[in-house]
Amino acid sequence: MHPDVARGKGIKHTRTGATWSGLVVGLVVLLVLLVFILQNLDSVTLELFAWEFTVPLGVTLLFAAIAGAVIMALVGGMRILQIRRAANRQRKLTAPS
């Protein structure tokens, strides 16, 4: 028997459990977005440079949210790369010769 189970602590948190939780939360968010889009089907006109689009309001707001998420992910990814480079540089400086 595993020591944690023997002590009554149960099963530890795993990556698979975290992935499952993330998928469930993602599914709930998708359902809420679907309801939001279906309730906001009034058409709006968007102008971008020389183009003009007529799109449902819910879809327009969804595109805006996706654009914001992409920008956030790009900035976060750049920060992660910056931290990795700094950690690698520090590791090389402190590594025994």
Protein backbone atom coordinates (compact mmCIF):
# COMPACT_ATOMS: atom_id res chain seq x y z
CA MET A 1 0.00 0.00 0.00
CA HIS A 2 1.26 3.49 -0.83
CA PRO A 3 2.38 5.46 2.27
CA ASP A 4 0.02 8.38 1.57
CA VAL A 5 -2.96 6.04 1.33
CA ALA A 6 -1.88 4.25 4.51
CA ARG A 7 -1.80 7.60 6.37
CA GLY A 8 -5.29 8.46 5.16
CA LYS A 9 -4.14 11.25 2.86
CA GLY A 10 -5.75 9.73 -0.22
CA ILE A 11 -4.39 10.05 -3.72
CA LYS A 12 -2.13 12.97 -4.54
CA HIS A 13 -3.02 15.58 -7.15
CA THR A 14 -1.82 14.42 -10.58
CA ARG A 15 -1.28 16.07 -13.95
CA THR A 16 -4.00 13.88 -15.42
CA GLY A 17 -6.43 15.09 -12.76
CA ALA A 18 -5.47 18.69 -13.45
CA THR A 19 -5.95 18.14 -17.19
CA TRP A 20 -9.37 16.62 -16.58
CA SER A 21 -10.37 19.58 -14.39
CA GLY A 22 -9.15 21.99 -17.06
CA LEU A 23 -11.18 20.21 -19.73
CA VAL A 24 -14.34 20.36 -17.62
CA VAL A 25 -13.86 24.08 -16.96
CA GLY A 26 -13.17 24.65 -20.66
CA LEU A 27 -16.37 22.82 -21.60
CA VAL A 28 -18.41 24.96 -19.20
CA VAL A 29 -16.86 28.14 -20.65
CA LEU A 30 -17.65 26.96 -24.19
CA LEU A 31 -21.26 26.29 -23.25
CA VAL A 32 -21.59 29.76 -21.69
CA LEU A 33 -20.06 31.30 -24.84
CA LEU A 34 -22.48 29.37 -27.05
CA VAL A 35 -25.46 30.62 -25.03
CA PHE A 36 -24.07 34.18 -25.15
CA ILE A 37 -23.63 34.06 -28.93
CA LEU A 38 -27.08 32.58 -29.50
CA GLN A 39 -28.65 35.34 -27.38
CA ASN A 40 -26.78 38.12 -29.23
CA LEU A 41 -27.57 37.52 -32.88
CA ASP A 42 -28.31 41.17 -33.76
CA SER A 43 -26.14 42.17 -36.72
CA VAL A 44 -23.58 44.93 -36.40
CA THR A 45 -21.47 46.55 -39.11
CA LEU A 46 -17.70 46.53 -38.62
CA GLU A 47 -15.30 48.65 -40.60
CA LEU A 48 -11.65 47.66 -40.85
CA PHE A 49 -9.55 49.82 -43.17
CA ALA A 50 -11.39 49.64 -46.51
CA TRP A 51 -13.48 46.56 -45.67
CA GLU A 52 -16.95 46.51 -44.20
CA PHE A 53 -18.45 43.44 -42.53
CA THR A 54 -21.90 42.65 -41.17
CA VAL A 55 -21.53 40.13 -38.36
CA PRO A 56 -23.69 39.04 -35.40
CA LEU A 57 -22.82 40.92 -32.19
CA GLY A 58 -22.02 37.76 -30.22
CA VAL A 59 -19.58 36.57 -32.88
CA THR A 60 -17.94 40.01 -32.96
CA LEU A 61 -17.38 39.96 -29.20
CA LEU A 62 -16.10 36.38 -29.41
CA PHE A 63 -13.53 37.45 -32.03
CA ALA A 64 -12.47 40.33 -29.79
CA ALA A 65 -12.03 37.96 -26.83
CA ILE A 66 -10.02 35.52 -28.96
CA ALA A 67 -7.77 38.36 -30.20
CA GLY A 68 -7.17 39.43 -26.59
CA ALA A 69 -6.36 35.84 -25.56
CA VAL A 70 -3.91 35.45 -28.46
CA ILE A 71 -2.13 38.69 -27.53
CA MET A 72 -1.96 37.60 -23.88
CA ALA A 73 -0.61 34.16 -24.87
CA LEU A 74 2.08 35.71 -27.10
CA VAL A 75 3.24 38.08 -24.37
CA GLY A 76 3.20 35.25 -21.80
CA GLY A 77 5.16 33.00 -24.14
CA MET A 78 7.77 35.71 -24.71
CA ARG A 79 8.11 36.13 -20.93
CA ILE A 80 8.56 32.37 -20.46
CA LEU A 81 11.33 32.33 -23.09
CA GLN A 82 12.98 35.31 -21.39
CA ILE A 83 12.96 33.53 -18.02
CA ARG A 84 14.30 30.28 -19.55
CA ARG A 85 17.18 32.12 -21.19
CA ALA A 86 18.04 33.86 -17.92
CA ALA A 87 17.90 30.53 -16.04
CA ASN A 88 20.14 28.84 -18.63
CA ARG A 89 22.63 31.71 -18.44
CA GLN A 90 22.64 31.48 -14.64
CA ARG A 91 23.07 27.70 -14.78
CA LYS A 92 26.08 28.05 -17.11
CA LEU A 93 27.66 30.66 -14.82
CA THR A 94 27.27 28.55 -11.68
CA ALA A 95 28.09 25.14 -13.23
CA PRO A 96 31.30 23.57 -11.94
CA SER A 97 34.08 23.49 -14.53
